[in-house]
Amino acid sequence: MSNQLLRLISGILVIGILGAASCKVSLSGQQIPPDVKSITIKYFPNQAALVAPSLSQTFTEALKDKFLQESNLDLIVEGGDWELSGAIVRYESTPIAPTGTETTALNRLTISIKVDFISRKNEAENWTQTFMRYEDYESTLTLSQAEADLLPRLSTQIADDILQKLTQNW
């Protein structure tokens, strides 16, 4: 190889190494500030009028899994550089596709979760936001039957939204 080609390759490697050292990058391409090393995720209680017994656990675990799988952050019980807490504030099933009779063809399951974010590295970054997702299901299914499929899916979608919100400014 020529000297110019070696210098070019060396330069590209140096730039790549310096770029990688300046921020943490998750597998999903999300960026997290380099000084943030840990996250605390509190249990999200269900404070909605209608309560699905497994939703709090399903959502909290989906959120923890999202950060464990798609970030380099350490999940710790207390005192993380970042902290997520909040509550499930809406859980409801509503008819959405009326038929010619007194029934509906589809129902919609809607979940809203209020999230409080605390950054112990920069208090100006703290925020509170409600995240909402819904999925439609056949009215031939009971809500209990639909929950088995929909609760994990909706929980994962909301966890994705939270990760996106946290990493969009970096």
N, C-alpha and C. Protein backbone atom coordinates (compact mmCIF):
# COMPACT_ATOMS: atom_id res chain seq x y z
N MET A 1 0.83 -1.19 0.00
CA MET A 1 0.00 0.00 0.00
C MET A 1 0.87 1.25 0.00
N SER A 2 0.30 2.27 -0.58
CA SER A 2 1.05 3.52 -0.62
C SER A 2 0.94 4.24 0.72
N ASN A 3 1.86 5.16 0.95
CA ASN A 3 1.85 5.94 2.18
C ASN A 3 0.58 6.77 2.31
N GLN A 4 0.10 7.31 1.20
CA GLN A 4 -1.12 8.14 1.24
C GLN A 4 -2.32 7.31 1.67
N LEU A 5 -2.43 6.10 1.16
CA LEU A 5 -3.55 5.23 1.51
C LEU A 5 -3.48 4.84 2.99
N LEU A 6 -2.28 4.55 3.48
CA LEU A 6 -2.11 4.22 4.90
C LEU A 6 -2.49 5.40 5.78
N ARG A 7 -2.09 6.61 5.39
CA ARG A 7 -2.44 7.80 6.16
C ARG A 7 -3.95 8.03 6.16
N LEU A 8 -4.59 7.80 5.03
CA LEU A 8 -6.04 7.97 4.92
C LEU A 8 -6.76 6.97 5.84
N ILE A 9 -6.36 5.71 5.80
CA ILE A 9 -6.97 4.69 6.65
C ILE A 9 -6.72 5.01 8.12
N SER A 10 -5.51 5.43 8.47
CA SER A 10 -5.19 5.79 9.85
C SER A 10 -6.04 6.97 10.31
N GLY A 11 -6.21 7.95 9.46
CA GLY A 11 -7.03 9.11 9.80
C GLY A 11 -8.48 8.73 10.05
N ILE A 12 -9.01 7.87 9.20
CA ILE A 12 -10.40 7.43 9.37
C ILE A 12 -10.55 6.67 10.68
N LEU A 13 -9.60 5.81 11.01
CA LEU A 13 -9.64 5.06 12.27
C LEU A 13 -9.59 5.99 13.48
N VAL A 14 -8.71 6.99 13.44
CA VAL A 14 -8.60 7.93 14.55
C VAL A 14 -9.92 8.70 14.73
N ILE A 15 -10.49 9.17 13.65
CA ILE A 15 -11.77 9.90 13.73
C ILE A 15 -12.86 8.99 14.29
N GLY A 16 -12.89 7.75 13.84
CA GLY A 16 -13.89 6.80 14.34
C GLY A 16 -13.74 6.53 15.82
N ILE A 17 -12.51 6.35 16.27
CA ILE A 17 -12.24 6.09 17.70
C ILE A 17 -12.61 7.30 18.54
N LEU A 18 -12.23 8.48 18.10
CA LEU A 18 -12.58 9.70 18.85
C LEU A 18 -14.08 9.91 18.88
N GLY A 19 -14.75 9.65 17.80
CA GLY A 19 -16.20 9.79 17.76
C GLY A 19 -16.88 8.82 18.69
N ALA A 20 -16.41 7.59 18.74
CA ALA A 20 -17.01 6.58 19.62
C ALA A 20 -16.76 6.91 21.09
N ALA A 21 -15.63 7.54 21.39
CA ALA A 21 -15.32 7.87 22.77
C ALA A 21 -16.14 9.04 23.29
N SER A 22 -16.72 9.83 22.41
CA SER A 22 -17.43 11.03 22.85
C SER A 22 -18.85 10.78 23.30
N CYS A 23 -19.42 9.62 22.99
CA CYS A 23 -20.79 9.35 23.44
C CYS A 23 -21.03 7.86 23.49
N LYS A 24 -22.03 7.51 24.32
CA LYS A 24 -22.47 6.12 24.37
C LYS A 24 -23.50 5.94 23.28
N VAL A 25 -23.39 4.89 22.53
CA VAL A 25 -24.36 4.61 21.49
C VAL A 25 -24.94 3.24 21.74
N SER A 26 -26.25 3.14 21.72
CA SER A 26 -26.88 1.85 21.94
C SER A 26 -26.97 1.07 20.64
N LEU A 27 -27.40 -0.17 20.74
CA LEU A 27 -27.55 -1.00 19.55
C LEU A 27 -28.59 -0.45 18.60
N SER A 28 -29.56 0.29 19.10
CA SER A 28 -30.62 0.83 18.26
C SER A 28 -30.21 2.14 17.59
N GLY A 29 -29.00 2.63 17.86
CA GLY A 29 -28.56 3.87 17.27
C GLY A 29 -28.87 5.09 18.12
N GLN A 30 -29.52 4.88 19.25
CA GLN A 30 -29.83 5.98 20.15
C GLN A 30 -28.56 6.40 20.87
N GLN A 31 -28.44 7.69 21.13
CA GLN A 31 -27.26 8.19 21.81
C GLN A 31 -27.62 8.63 23.22
N ILE A 32 -26.72 8.35 24.13
CA ILE A 32 -26.88 8.71 25.53
C ILE A 32 -25.62 9.48 25.92
N PRO A 33 -25.75 10.57 26.67
CA PRO A 33 -24.57 11.34 27.05
C PRO A 33 -23.52 10.46 27.74
N PRO A 34 -22.26 10.72 27.49
CA PRO A 34 -21.19 9.86 28.03
C PRO A 34 -21.10 9.87 29.55
N ASP A 35 -21.59 10.92 30.21
CA ASP A 35 -21.50 10.96 31.67
C ASP A 35 -22.65 10.23 32.35
N VAL A 36 -23.63 9.76 31.59
CA VAL A 36 -24.76 9.01 32.15
C VAL A 36 -24.40 7.53 32.09
N LYS A 37 -24.30 6.92 33.25
CA LYS A 37 -23.85 5.52 33.34
C LYS A 37 -24.94 4.57 33.83
N SER A 38 -25.97 5.10 34.52
CA SER A 38 -26.95 4.21 35.14
C SER A 38 -28.36 4.79 35.07
N ILE A 39 -29.34 3.91 35.23
CA ILE A 39 -30.74 4.31 35.23
C ILE A 39 -31.48 3.54 36.32
N THR A 40 -32.39 4.23 36.96
CA THR A 40 -33.30 3.61 37.93
C THR A 40 -34.69 3.67 37.33
N ILE A 41 -35.35 2.52 37.28
CA ILE A 41 -36.72 2.46 36.76
C ILE A 41 -37.62 1.96 37.88
N LYS A 42 -38.47 2.85 38.36
CA LYS A 42 -39.39 2.52 39.45
C LYS A 42 -40.59 1.73 38.92
N TYR A 43 -41.28 1.06 39.82
CA TYR A 43 -42.49 0.31 39.50
C TYR A 43 -43.60 1.30 39.12
N PHE A 44 -44.32 1.03 38.04
CA PHE A 44 -45.40 1.91 37.57
C PHE A 44 -46.75 1.34 38.02
N PRO A 45 -47.33 1.90 39.08
CA PRO A 45 -48.61 1.38 39.57
C PRO A 45 -49.75 1.75 38.62
N ASN A 46 -50.80 0.95 38.64
CA ASN A 46 -51.97 1.21 37.79
C ASN A 46 -52.94 2.07 38.58
N GLN A 47 -53.10 3.33 38.19
CA GLN A 47 -54.01 4.26 38.84
C GLN A 47 -55.21 4.58 37.96
N ALA A 48 -55.42 3.79 36.91
CA ALA A 48 -56.56 4.00 36.01
C ALA A 48 -57.83 3.50 36.67
N ALA A 49 -58.98 3.97 36.16
CA ALA A 49 -60.27 3.54 36.71
C ALA A 49 -60.47 2.04 36.52
N LEU A 50 -60.07 1.52 35.36
CA LEU A 50 -60.13 0.08 35.08
C LEU A 50 -58.72 -0.46 35.24
N VAL A 51 -58.57 -1.55 35.99
CA VAL A 51 -57.24 -2.08 36.28
C VAL A 51 -57.07 -3.46 35.68
N ALA A 52 -56.00 -3.62 34.90
CA ALA A 52 -55.59 -4.95 34.44
C ALA A 52 -54.55 -5.42 35.44
N PRO A 53 -54.80 -6.53 36.12
CA PRO A 53 -53.90 -6.96 37.20
C PRO A 53 -52.43 -7.10 36.81
N SER A 54 -52.16 -7.51 35.58
CA SER A 54 -50.77 -7.75 35.19
C SER A 54 -50.10 -6.56 34.50
N LEU A 55 -50.82 -5.50 34.22
CA LEU A 55 -50.27 -4.42 33.41
C LEU A 55 -49.09 -3.71 34.06
N SER A 56 -49.17 -3.41 35.35
CA SER A 56 -48.06 -2.71 36.01
C SER A 56 -46.76 -3.49 35.89
N GLN A 57 -46.82 -4.77 36.18
CA GLN A 57 -45.63 -5.61 36.09
C GLN A 57 -45.16 -5.75 34.64
N THR A 58 -46.11 -5.98 33.72
CA THR A 58 -45.77 -6.14 32.30
C THR A 58 -45.08 -4.91 31.77
N PHE A 59 -45.64 -3.72 32.06
CA PHE A 59 -45.05 -2.49 31.54
C PHE A 59 -43.69 -2.21 32.18
N THR A 60 -43.61 -2.31 33.50
CA THR A 60 -42.34 -2.02 34.18
C THR A 60 -41.23 -2.92 33.66
N GLU A 61 -41.51 -4.19 33.48
CA GLU A 61 -40.50 -5.12 32.96
C GLU A 61 -40.15 -4.82 31.51
N ALA A 62 -41.14 -4.44 30.70
CA ALA A 62 -40.86 -4.08 29.30
C ALA A 62 -39.94 -2.86 29.24
N LEU A 63 -40.15 -1.89 30.11
CA LEU A 63 -39.31 -0.69 30.14
C LEU A 63 -37.88 -1.04 30.58
N LYS A 64 -37.76 -1.86 31.61
CA LYS A 64 -36.43 -2.28 32.05
C LYS A 64 -35.72 -3.05 30.93
N ASP A 65 -36.43 -3.98 30.31
CA ASP A 65 -35.85 -4.77 29.22
C ASP A 65 -35.37 -3.88 28.09
N LYS A 66 -36.17 -2.86 27.75
CA LYS A 66 -35.81 -1.95 26.65
C LYS A 66 -34.46 -1.29 26.93
N PHE A 67 -34.26 -0.80 28.15
CA PHE A 67 -33.01 -0.11 28.47
C PHE A 67 -31.85 -1.09 28.62
N LEU A 68 -32.12 -2.29 29.11
CA LEU A 68 -31.05 -3.28 29.23
C LEU A 68 -30.59 -3.76 27.86
N GLN A 69 -31.52 -3.91 26.94
CA GLN A 69 -31.19 -4.43 25.61
C GLN A 69 -30.66 -3.36 24.65
N GLU A 70 -31.11 -2.12 24.80
CA GLU A 70 -30.80 -1.12 23.79
C GLU A 70 -29.97 0.06 24.30
N SER A 71 -29.40 -0.09 25.46
CA SER A 71 -28.49 0.95 25.94
C SER A 71 -27.37 0.29 26.72
N ASN A 72 -26.37 1.06 27.02
CA ASN A 72 -25.25 0.57 27.83
C ASN A 72 -25.41 0.95 29.29
N LEU A 73 -26.58 1.45 29.66
CA LEU A 73 -26.80 1.89 31.03
C LEU A 73 -26.93 0.71 31.98
N ASP A 74 -26.40 0.89 33.19
CA ASP A 74 -26.58 -0.10 34.24
C ASP A 74 -27.92 0.18 34.91
N LEU A 75 -28.73 -0.84 35.09
CA LEU A 75 -30.01 -0.71 35.78
C LEU A 75 -29.75 -0.91 37.27
N ILE A 76 -30.02 0.15 38.07
CA ILE A 76 -29.81 0.04 39.51
C ILE A 76 -31.09 0.41 40.24
N VAL A 77 -31.24 -0.09 41.46
CA VAL A 77 -32.48 0.04 42.22
C VAL A 77 -32.72 1.49 42.68
N GLU A 78 -31.71 2.18 43.11
CA GLU A 78 -31.83 3.56 43.61
C GLU A 78 -30.66 4.40 43.13
N GLY A 79 -30.93 5.69 42.92
CA GLY A 79 -29.86 6.65 42.68
C GLY A 79 -29.20 6.62 41.32
N GLY A 80 -29.90 6.15 40.28
CA GLY A 80 -29.33 6.15 38.94
C GLY A 80 -29.11 7.57 38.44
N ASP A 81 -28.20 7.72 37.48
CA ASP A 81 -27.98 9.04 36.87
C ASP A 81 -29.28 9.55 36.25
N TRP A 82 -30.04 8.63 35.68
CA TRP A 82 -31.38 8.92 35.18
C TRP A 82 -32.37 8.10 35.98
N GLU A 83 -33.57 8.65 36.17
CA GLU A 83 -34.62 7.91 36.87
C GLU A 83 -35.95 8.08 36.15
N LEU A 84 -36.65 6.97 35.98
CA LEU A 84 -37.99 6.98 35.40
C LEU A 84 -38.97 6.46 36.44
N SER A 85 -40.05 7.19 36.63
CA SER A 85 -41.11 6.76 37.53
C SER A 85 -42.42 7.26 36.93
N GLY A 86 -43.53 6.89 37.54
CA GLY A 86 -44.81 7.35 37.03
C GLY A 86 -45.91 6.37 37.35
N ALA A 87 -46.97 6.40 36.53
CA ALA A 87 -48.13 5.56 36.78
C ALA A 87 -48.91 5.34 35.50
N ILE A 88 -49.65 4.25 35.48
CA ILE A 88 -50.60 3.99 34.41
C ILE A 88 -51.84 4.80 34.75
N VAL A 89 -52.21 5.74 33.90
CA VAL A 89 -53.30 6.65 34.21
C VAL A 89 -54.56 6.40 33.39
N ARG A 90 -54.44 5.61 32.34
CA ARG A 90 -55.61 5.29 31.52
C ARG A 90 -55.48 3.88 30.99
N TYR A 91 -56.53 3.14 31.18
CA TYR A 91 -56.62 1.78 30.65
C TYR A 91 -58.09 1.56 30.34
N GLU A 92 -58.42 1.54 29.05
CA GLU A 92 -59.83 1.38 28.72
C GLU A 92 -60.03 0.69 27.39
N SER A 93 -61.16 0.03 27.31
CA SER A 93 -61.57 -0.64 26.08
C SER A 93 -62.86 0.03 25.61
N THR A 94 -62.85 0.49 24.37
CA THR A 94 -64.02 1.18 23.83
C THR A 94 -64.41 0.58 22.48
N PRO A 95 -65.71 0.52 22.18
CA PRO A 95 -66.16 0.05 20.87
C PRO A 95 -65.84 1.11 19.82
N ILE A 96 -65.36 0.67 18.64
CA ILE A 96 -65.00 1.67 17.62
C ILE A 96 -65.60 1.41 16.25
N ALA A 97 -66.10 0.21 15.97
CA ALA A 97 -66.62 -0.10 14.64
C ALA A 97 -68.02 -0.70 14.75
N PRO A 98 -69.02 0.17 14.79
CA PRO A 98 -70.38 -0.33 14.94
C PRO A 98 -70.82 -1.15 13.72
N THR A 99 -71.65 -2.14 13.98
CA THR A 99 -72.23 -2.94 12.90
C THR A 99 -73.68 -2.51 12.73
N GLY A 100 -74.43 -3.16 11.87
CA GLY A 100 -75.83 -2.82 11.66
C GLY A 100 -76.70 -3.21 12.84
N THR A 101 -76.18 -4.08 13.70
CA THR A 101 -76.93 -4.48 14.89
C THR A 101 -76.45 -3.65 16.07
N GLU A 102 -76.77 -4.08 17.25
CA GLU A 102 -76.37 -3.33 18.44
C GLU A 102 -74.98 -3.73 18.95
N THR A 103 -74.18 -4.34 18.10
CA THR A 103 -72.83 -4.75 18.48
C THR A 103 -71.80 -3.97 17.68
N THR A 104 -70.54 -4.22 17.99
CA THR A 104 -69.45 -3.60 17.22
C THR A 104 -68.56 -4.70 16.66
N ALA A 105 -67.86 -4.38 15.59
CA ALA A 105 -66.95 -5.34 14.99
C ALA A 105 -65.57 -5.27 15.64
N LEU A 106 -65.21 -4.09 16.13
CA LEU A 106 -63.90 -3.89 16.73
C LEU A 106 -64.01 -3.11 18.04
N ASN A 107 -63.08 -3.41 18.93
CA ASN A 107 -62.91 -2.63 20.15
C ASN A 107 -61.49 -2.09 20.15
N ARG A 108 -61.27 -1.04 20.90
CA ARG A 108 -59.94 -0.43 21.00
C ARG A 108 -59.49 -0.43 22.45
N LEU A 109 -58.31 -1.00 22.68
CA LEU A 109 -57.70 -0.97 24.00
C LEU A 109 -56.69 0.18 24.01
N THR A 110 -56.88 1.12 24.93
CA THR A 110 -56.02 2.30 25.04
C THR A 110 -55.32 2.30 26.39
N ILE A 111 -54.02 2.55 26.36
CA ILE A 111 -53.23 2.65 27.58
C ILE A 111 -52.48 3.97 27.55
N SER A 112 -52.54 4.71 28.66
CA SER A 112 -51.75 5.95 28.82
C SER A 112 -50.92 5.82 30.08
N ILE A 113 -49.66 6.19 29.96
CA ILE A 113 -48.74 6.09 31.09
C ILE A 113 -48.05 7.43 31.28
N LYS A 114 -48.21 7.99 32.47
CA LYS A 114 -47.55 9.24 32.84
C LYS A 114 -46.14 8.89 33.32
N VAL A 115 -45.15 9.55 32.74
CA VAL A 115 -43.76 9.27 33.06
C VAL A 115 -43.10 10.54 33.59
N ASP A 116 -42.41 10.39 34.71
CA ASP A 116 -41.60 11.46 35.27
C ASP A 116 -40.13 11.08 35.06
N PHE A 117 -39.39 11.94 34.37
CA PHE A 117 -37.97 11.71 34.13
C PHE A 117 -37.15 12.66 34.96
N ILE A 118 -36.17 12.12 35.68
CA ILE A 118 -35.24 12.92 36.48
C ILE A 118 -33.83 12.62 36.01
N SER A 119 -33.10 13.68 35.69
CA SER A 119 -31.69 13.56 35.36
C SER A 119 -30.90 14.11 36.54
N ARG A 120 -30.13 13.27 37.16
CA ARG A 120 -29.31 13.73 38.28
C ARG A 120 -28.04 14.43 37.79
N LYS A 121 -27.81 14.38 36.49
CA LYS A 121 -26.65 15.06 35.90
C LYS A 121 -26.99 16.48 35.47
N ASN A 122 -28.26 16.72 35.12
CA ASN A 122 -28.67 18.04 34.64
C ASN A 122 -30.17 18.22 34.88
N GLU A 123 -30.52 18.91 35.96
CA GLU A 123 -31.93 19.07 36.33
C GLU A 123 -32.75 19.80 35.27
N ALA A 124 -32.12 20.57 34.42
CA ALA A 124 -32.83 21.29 33.36
C ALA A 124 -33.43 20.31 32.34
N GLU A 125 -32.96 19.08 32.32
CA GLU A 125 -33.46 18.07 31.38
C GLU A 125 -34.67 17.30 31.92
N ASN A 126 -35.05 17.51 33.17
CA ASN A 126 -36.18 16.79 33.76
C ASN A 126 -37.47 17.10 33.01
N TRP A 127 -38.37 16.11 32.92
CA TRP A 127 -39.65 16.31 32.25
C TRP A 127 -40.69 15.33 32.76
N THR A 128 -41.95 15.68 32.50
CA THR A 128 -43.09 14.79 32.76
C THR A 128 -43.91 14.77 31.48
N GLN A 129 -44.28 13.57 31.05
CA GLN A 129 -45.06 13.43 29.82
C GLN A 129 -45.92 12.18 29.93
N THR A 130 -47.10 12.25 29.30
CA THR A 130 -47.97 11.08 29.22
C THR A 130 -47.84 10.47 27.83
N PHE A 131 -47.56 9.17 27.80
CA PHE A 131 -47.41 8.43 26.56
C PHE A 131 -48.65 7.55 26.38
N MET A 132 -49.22 7.57 25.17
CA MET A 132 -50.44 6.82 24.92
C MET A 132 -50.28 5.96 23.67
N ARG A 133 -50.78 4.74 23.75
CA ARG A 133 -50.83 3.83 22.61
C ARG A 133 -52.14 3.07 22.66
N TYR A 134 -52.58 2.62 21.49
CA TYR A 134 -53.79 1.80 21.43
C TYR A 134 -53.66 0.73 20.37
N GLU A 135 -54.44 -0.31 20.51
CA GLU A 135 -54.53 -1.40 19.54
C GLU A 135 -56.00 -1.80 19.44
N ASP A 136 -56.40 -2.15 18.25
CA ASP A 136 -57.77 -2.62 18.04
C ASP A 136 -57.81 -4.14 18.10
N TYR A 137 -58.93 -4.66 18.56
CA TYR A 137 -59.10 -6.12 18.60
C TYR A 137 -60.55 -6.48 18.26
N GLU A 138 -60.70 -7.69 17.78
CA GLU A 138 -62.02 -8.17 17.36
C GLU A 138 -62.97 -8.22 18.55
N SER A 139 -64.20 -7.81 18.32
CA SER A 139 -65.17 -7.81 19.40
C SER A 139 -65.63 -9.22 19.78
N THR A 140 -65.23 -10.21 18.98
CA THR A 140 -65.54 -11.59 19.35
C THR A 140 -64.66 -12.06 20.52
N LEU A 141 -63.59 -11.31 20.79
CA LEU A 141 -62.72 -11.62 21.93
C LEU A 141 -63.18 -10.84 23.15
N THR A 142 -63.04 -11.44 24.32
CA THR A 142 -63.26 -10.69 25.55
C THR A 142 -62.01 -9.84 25.80
N LEU A 143 -62.12 -8.85 26.65
CA LEU A 143 -60.97 -8.03 27.00
C LEU A 143 -59.86 -8.90 27.59
N SER A 144 -60.23 -9.84 28.44
CA SER A 144 -59.23 -10.73 29.05
C SER A 144 -58.49 -11.54 27.99
N GLN A 145 -59.19 -11.99 26.98
CA GLN A 145 -58.54 -12.74 25.90
C GLN A 145 -57.60 -11.84 25.10
N ALA A 146 -58.03 -10.64 24.82
CA ALA A 146 -57.22 -9.71 24.03
C ALA A 146 -55.98 -9.24 24.80
N GLU A 147 -56.09 -9.13 26.11
CA GLU A 147 -54.98 -8.63 26.92
C GLU A 147 -53.71 -9.47 26.78
N ALA A 148 -53.87 -10.77 26.64
CA ALA A 148 -52.69 -11.64 26.57
C ALA A 148 -51.75 -11.23 25.44
N ASP A 149 -52.32 -10.81 24.33
CA ASP A 149 -51.52 -10.39 23.17
C ASP A 149 -51.21 -8.89 23.22
N LEU A 150 -52.19 -8.10 23.62
CA LEU A 150 -52.06 -6.64 23.50
C LEU A 150 -51.23 -5.98 24.59
N LEU A 151 -51.30 -6.46 25.82
CA LEU A 151 -50.56 -5.79 26.90
C LEU A 151 -49.05 -5.80 26.66
N PRO A 152 -48.45 -6.95 26.31
CA PRO A 152 -47.00 -6.90 26.03
C PRO A 152 -46.66 -6.01 24.83
N ARG A 153 -47.49 -6.05 23.80
CA ARG A 153 -47.23 -5.24 22.60
C ARG A 153 -47.32 -3.76 22.91
N LEU A 154 -48.39 -3.33 23.58
CA LEU A 154 -48.54 -1.92 23.91
C LEU A 154 -47.46 -1.46 24.88
N SER A 155 -47.11 -2.31 25.83
CA SER A 155 -46.05 -1.96 26.79
C SER A 155 -44.73 -1.73 26.07
N THR A 156 -44.39 -2.60 25.13
CA THR A 156 -43.15 -2.45 24.37
C THR A 156 -43.17 -1.19 23.51
N GLN A 157 -44.32 -0.88 22.90
CA GLN A 157 -44.43 0.33 22.08
C GLN A 157 -44.22 1.59 22.92
N ILE A 158 -44.81 1.62 24.10
CA ILE A 158 -44.65 2.79 24.98
C ILE A 158 -43.21 2.87 25.48
N ALA A 159 -42.61 1.73 25.80
CA ALA A 159 -41.20 1.72 26.21
C ALA A 159 -40.32 2.27 25.09
N ASP A 160 -40.62 1.91 23.83
CA ASP A 160 -39.89 2.45 22.68
C ASP A 160 -40.03 3.97 22.63
N ASP A 161 -41.25 4.46 22.84
CA ASP A 161 -41.49 5.91 22.80
C ASP A 161 -40.69 6.63 23.89
N ILE A 162 -40.62 6.03 25.07
CA ILE A 162 -39.87 6.64 26.18
C ILE A 162 -38.38 6.68 25.87
N LEU A 163 -37.83 5.59 25.38
CA LEU A 163 -36.41 5.57 25.00
C LEU A 163 -36.14 6.62 23.92
N GLN A 164 -37.02 6.71 22.95
CA GLN A 164 -36.87 7.71 21.89
C GLN A 164 -36.86 9.13 22.46
N LYS A 165 -37.79 9.41 23.36
CA LYS A 165 -37.88 10.74 23.98
C LYS A 165 -36.59 11.06 24.75
N LEU A 166 -36.08 10.09 25.47
CA LEU A 166 -34.88 10.32 26.28
C LEU A 166 -33.64 10.57 25.44
N THR A 167 -33.57 9.95 24.29
CA THR A 167 -32.33 10.02 23.52
C THR A 167 -32.41 10.93 22.31
N GLN A 168 -33.54 11.58 22.08
CA GLN A 168 -33.69 12.39 20.87
C GLN A 168 -32.83 13.64 20.84
N ASN A 169 -32.45 14.15 21.99
CA ASN A 169 -31.68 15.39 22.01
C ASN A 169 -30.17 15.17 22.02
N TRP A 170 -29.73 13.95 22.00
CA TRP A 170 -28.29 13.68 22.07
C TRP A 170 -27.80 13.31 20.71
